[in-house]
Amino acid sequence: MDKGLLIVLSGPSGVGKGTVCSVLRNKMPELIYSVSATTRLPRQGEVEGVNYFFKSKEQFQDMIARDALLEHAEYVGNYYGTPRDFVERTLASGKDVILEIEVQGALKVKQKFPDGIFVFLLPPSLDELKQRITGRGTESLDTINNRMSVAVEEMNLLRHYDYAVLNDEIDAACDRIRSIIIAEHCRRERFLPYVTGMKAAIEKA
């Protein structure tokens, strides 16, 4: 059985990672979503175990000590991390896993899973990004300015990713990511064992 693909969707805060990931999963129900753990407080409408596993800092530090996280990072005063066991078991079963995580976490995952598919989601403009962050109504002005500064720094890390997708329109962005996943499944490297097997069968005949 072929291993599944690990698709890592990342980008600056406010770029729309969560919305794009949600719509993409509706378009591709075979994609398995890996829920991250975080120490930040839930936003309105977010559900425990669906959007995130919400942890206290003490609980999160215990997960780090037990090596129960594939990656973890601190971002604007909060911790984020990806539970290790679920991801590894799902990939081994042949299913694709999509991670929707912050840039710091994505780069750490790349160190452990260099064969993953790393997609960077870009905003149409910095003005649009600021409007999206401000529109949440959950962050103070200082936090918004901090997030904008961090966003510019993170976009400079695009060179570490395999693909860049502009999130100018949600359905279009999802279609681009879906095309990337389909193309990655068609890479010749994934079919070399299949061809080798056919050659061996012919030689035995």
Protein backbone atom coordinates (compact mmCIF):
# COMPACT_ATOMS: atom_id res chain seq x y z
CA MET A 1 0.00 0.00 0.00
CA ASP A 2 1.32 3.45 -0.95
CA LYS A 3 1.74 5.92 1.88
CA GLY A 4 -0.56 8.89 1.85
CA LEU A 5 0.58 12.41 1.06
CA LEU A 6 1.17 14.94 3.80
CA ILE A 7 -0.16 18.29 2.58
CA VAL A 8 0.91 21.25 4.71
CA LEU A 9 -1.16 24.40 4.19
CA SER A 10 0.45 27.42 5.75
CA GLY A 11 0.67 31.19 5.52
CA PRO A 12 0.43 34.34 7.63
CA SER A 13 -2.25 34.85 10.25
CA GLY A 14 -5.46 36.20 8.70
CA VAL A 15 -4.75 34.93 5.19
CA GLY A 16 -7.74 32.55 5.39
CA LYS A 17 -6.07 29.18 6.01
CA GLY A 18 -8.98 27.88 8.09
CA THR A 19 -11.66 28.90 5.61
CA VAL A 20 -9.76 27.53 2.61
CA CYS A 21 -9.02 24.28 4.41
CA SER A 22 -12.69 23.86 5.37
CA VAL A 23 -13.94 24.43 1.81
CA LEU A 24 -11.20 22.20 0.39
CA ARG A 25 -12.24 19.35 2.69
CA ASN A 26 -15.81 19.68 1.40
CA LYS A 27 -14.50 19.41 -2.15
CA MET A 28 -12.14 16.53 -1.23
CA PRO A 29 -13.82 14.54 1.58
CA GLU A 30 -11.10 11.89 1.29
CA LEU A 31 -8.63 14.35 2.84
CA ILE A 32 -8.04 13.66 6.53
CA TYR A 33 -7.74 16.82 8.62
CA SER A 34 -5.25 16.80 11.47
CA VAL A 35 -6.56 18.91 14.34
CA SER A 36 -3.85 21.00 16.02
CA ALA A 37 -3.47 21.69 19.71
CA THR A 38 -3.21 25.28 20.95
CA THR A 39 -3.08 27.29 24.16
CA ARG A 40 -4.97 30.26 22.73
CA LEU A 41 -8.57 30.86 23.75
CA PRO A 42 -11.35 29.65 21.41
CA ARG A 43 -12.77 32.21 19.02
CA GLN A 44 -16.52 32.51 18.60
CA GLY A 45 -17.91 29.41 16.90
CA GLU A 46 -14.80 27.28 17.33
CA VAL A 47 -15.38 23.78 18.68
CA GLU A 48 -13.06 21.65 20.83
CA GLY A 49 -11.67 18.72 18.85
CA VAL A 50 -12.96 20.12 15.55
CA ASN A 51 -11.06 23.39 15.09
CA TYR A 52 -8.39 22.80 17.74
CA PHE A 53 -7.65 20.87 20.89
CA PHE A 54 -7.61 23.75 23.38
CA LYS A 55 -4.99 23.17 26.09
CA SER A 56 -3.62 25.03 29.07
CA LYS A 57 0.08 25.90 28.92
CA GLU A 58 0.73 23.21 31.55
CA GLN A 59 -1.05 20.57 29.45
CA PHE A 60 0.80 21.65 26.32
CA GLN A 61 4.19 21.52 28.06
CA ASP A 62 3.38 17.98 29.21
CA MET A 63 2.73 16.98 25.58
CA ILE A 64 6.11 18.42 24.62
CA ALA A 65 7.83 16.49 27.41
CA ARG A 66 6.18 13.23 26.24
CA ASP A 67 7.25 13.86 22.62
CA ALA A 68 3.59 13.66 21.69
CA LEU A 69 3.80 16.49 19.13
CA LEU A 70 5.10 16.33 15.58
CA GLU A 71 5.94 20.02 15.84
CA HIS A 72 5.19 22.91 18.12
CA ALA A 73 5.75 26.64 18.02
CA GLU A 74 5.01 29.77 19.98
CA TYR A 75 3.19 32.46 18.05
CA VAL A 76 2.12 35.85 19.47
CA GLY A 77 2.20 34.51 23.02
CA ASN A 78 0.42 31.20 22.38
CA TYR A 79 1.58 27.64 21.63
CA TYR A 80 0.47 25.59 18.63
CA GLY A 81 1.34 21.97 17.87
CA THR A 82 0.46 18.90 15.79
CA PRO A 83 -0.25 15.58 17.56
CA ARG A 84 2.29 13.08 16.20
CA ASP A 85 0.61 9.67 16.41
CA PHE A 86 -2.52 10.49 14.43
CA VAL A 87 -0.58 11.89 11.47
CA GLU A 88 1.86 8.98 11.24
CA ARG A 89 -0.85 6.31 11.51
CA THR A 90 -3.05 7.96 8.88
CA LEU A 91 -0.23 8.33 6.35
CA ALA A 92 0.79 4.70 6.89
CA SER A 93 -2.77 3.61 6.09
CA GLY A 94 -2.49 5.21 2.64
CA LYS A 95 -4.70 8.22 3.31
CA ASP A 96 -3.76 11.84 2.63
CA VAL A 97 -3.45 14.17 5.62
CA ILE A 98 -3.76 17.94 5.47
CA LEU A 99 -2.20 20.11 8.14
CA GLU A 100 -3.29 23.73 8.48
CA ILE A 101 -0.59 25.31 10.62
CA GLU A 102 1.47 28.43 11.22
CA VAL A 103 4.68 29.04 9.27
CA GLN A 104 7.04 28.19 12.14
CA GLY A 105 5.36 24.82 12.59
CA ALA A 106 5.37 24.09 8.86
CA LEU A 107 9.13 24.55 8.64
CA LYS A 108 9.64 22.16 11.56
CA VAL A 109 7.43 19.56 9.87
CA LYS A 110 9.54 19.89 6.71
CA GLN A 111 12.61 18.84 8.68
CA LYS A 112 10.91 15.57 9.66
CA PHE A 113 8.82 15.05 6.49
CA PRO A 114 10.84 16.47 3.56
CA ASP A 115 8.58 14.52 1.17
CA GLY A 116 5.53 16.48 2.32
CA ILE A 117 3.75 18.89 -0.01
CA PHE A 118 4.18 22.42 1.35
CA VAL A 119 1.71 25.04 0.13
CA PHE A 120 1.97 28.72 1.12
CA LEU A 121 -1.28 30.70 1.04
CA LEU A 122 -0.79 34.34 0.07
CA PRO A 123 -3.16 37.30 0.56
CA PRO A 124 -4.16 39.43 -2.46
CA SER A 125 -2.51 42.42 -0.74
CA LEU A 126 -1.30 43.59 2.67
CA ASP A 127 -4.30 45.94 2.90
CA GLU A 128 -6.65 42.99 2.38
CA LEU A 129 -4.75 40.97 4.99
CA LYS A 130 -5.09 43.77 7.55
CA GLN A 131 -8.81 44.08 6.82
CA ARG A 132 -9.29 40.34 7.40
CA ILE A 133 -7.45 40.46 10.74
CA THR A 134 -9.30 43.60 11.83
CA GLY A 135 -12.63 42.10 10.73
CA ARG A 136 -12.37 39.34 13.30
CA GLY A 137 -13.01 41.87 16.06
CA THR A 138 -11.04 39.73 18.49
CA GLU A 139 -7.61 41.40 18.49
CA SER A 140 -6.39 44.68 19.98
CA LEU A 141 -4.67 47.29 17.82
CA ASP A 142 -1.28 46.30 19.24
CA THR A 143 -1.95 42.64 18.39
CA ILE A 144 -3.07 43.55 14.86
CA ASN A 145 0.09 45.57 14.24
CA ASN A 146 2.19 42.74 15.67
CA ARG A 147 0.47 40.20 13.40
CA MET A 148 1.08 42.41 10.34
CA SER A 149 4.80 42.69 11.15
CA VAL A 150 5.04 38.93 11.62
CA ALA A 151 3.10 38.34 8.38
CA VAL A 152 5.65 40.28 6.33
CA GLU A 153 8.50 38.28 7.91
CA GLU A 154 6.68 35.01 7.21
CA MET A 155 6.06 35.83 3.56
CA ASN A 156 9.82 36.13 3.15
CA LEU A 157 10.00 32.39 3.98
CA LEU A 158 8.08 31.44 0.84
CA ARG A 159 11.30 30.05 -0.66
CA HIS A 160 11.05 27.04 1.69
CA TYR A 161 7.71 25.94 0.19
CA ASP A 162 6.89 23.87 -2.87
CA TYR A 163 3.89 25.89 -4.05
CA ALA A 164 2.32 29.32 -3.58
CA VAL A 165 -1.44 29.85 -3.89
CA LEU A 166 -3.07 33.28 -3.98
CA ASN A 167 -6.19 33.40 -1.82
CA ASP A 168 -7.99 36.02 -3.91
CA GLU A 169 -11.17 33.93 -4.12
CA ILE A 170 -11.83 30.91 -1.91
CA ASP A 171 -13.16 28.45 -4.50
CA ALA A 172 -10.40 29.33 -6.94
CA ALA A 173 -7.74 28.89 -4.24
CA CYS A 174 -9.20 25.49 -3.32
CA ASP A 175 -9.21 24.39 -6.96
CA ARG A 176 -5.53 25.32 -7.24
CA ILE A 177 -4.65 23.28 -4.16
CA ARG A 178 -6.74 20.35 -5.40
CA SER A 179 -4.85 20.46 -8.70
CA ILE A 180 -1.55 20.39 -6.79
CA ILE A 181 -2.62 17.28 -4.85
CA ILE A 182 -3.80 15.49 -8.01
CA ALA A 183 -0.53 16.30 -9.79
CA GLU A 184 1.55 15.10 -6.83
CA HIS A 185 -0.25 11.75 -6.92
CA CYS A 186 0.76 11.44 -10.57
CA ARG A 187 4.49 11.89 -9.99
CA ARG A 188 6.49 9.22 -11.76
CA GLU A 189 8.28 8.23 -8.55
CA ARG A 190 5.02 6.87 -7.14
CA PHE A 191 4.62 4.55 -10.14
CA LEU A 192 8.15 3.19 -10.41
CA PRO A 193 7.43 0.23 -8.06
CA TYR A 194 4.29 -0.51 -10.12
CA VAL A 195 6.27 -0.59 -13.36
CA THR A 196 9.02 -2.68 -11.73
CA GLY A 197 6.37 -5.17 -10.63
CA MET A 198 4.95 -5.44 -14.15
CA LYS A 199 8.43 -6.01 -15.56
CA ALA A 200 9.09 -8.75 -13.05
CA ALA A 201 5.75 -10.40 -13.89
CA ILE A 202 6.56 -10.40 -17.61
CA GLU A 203 10.00 -11.92 -17.02
CA LYS A 204 8.45 -14.72 -14.95
CA ALA A 205 5.82 -15.51 -17.59
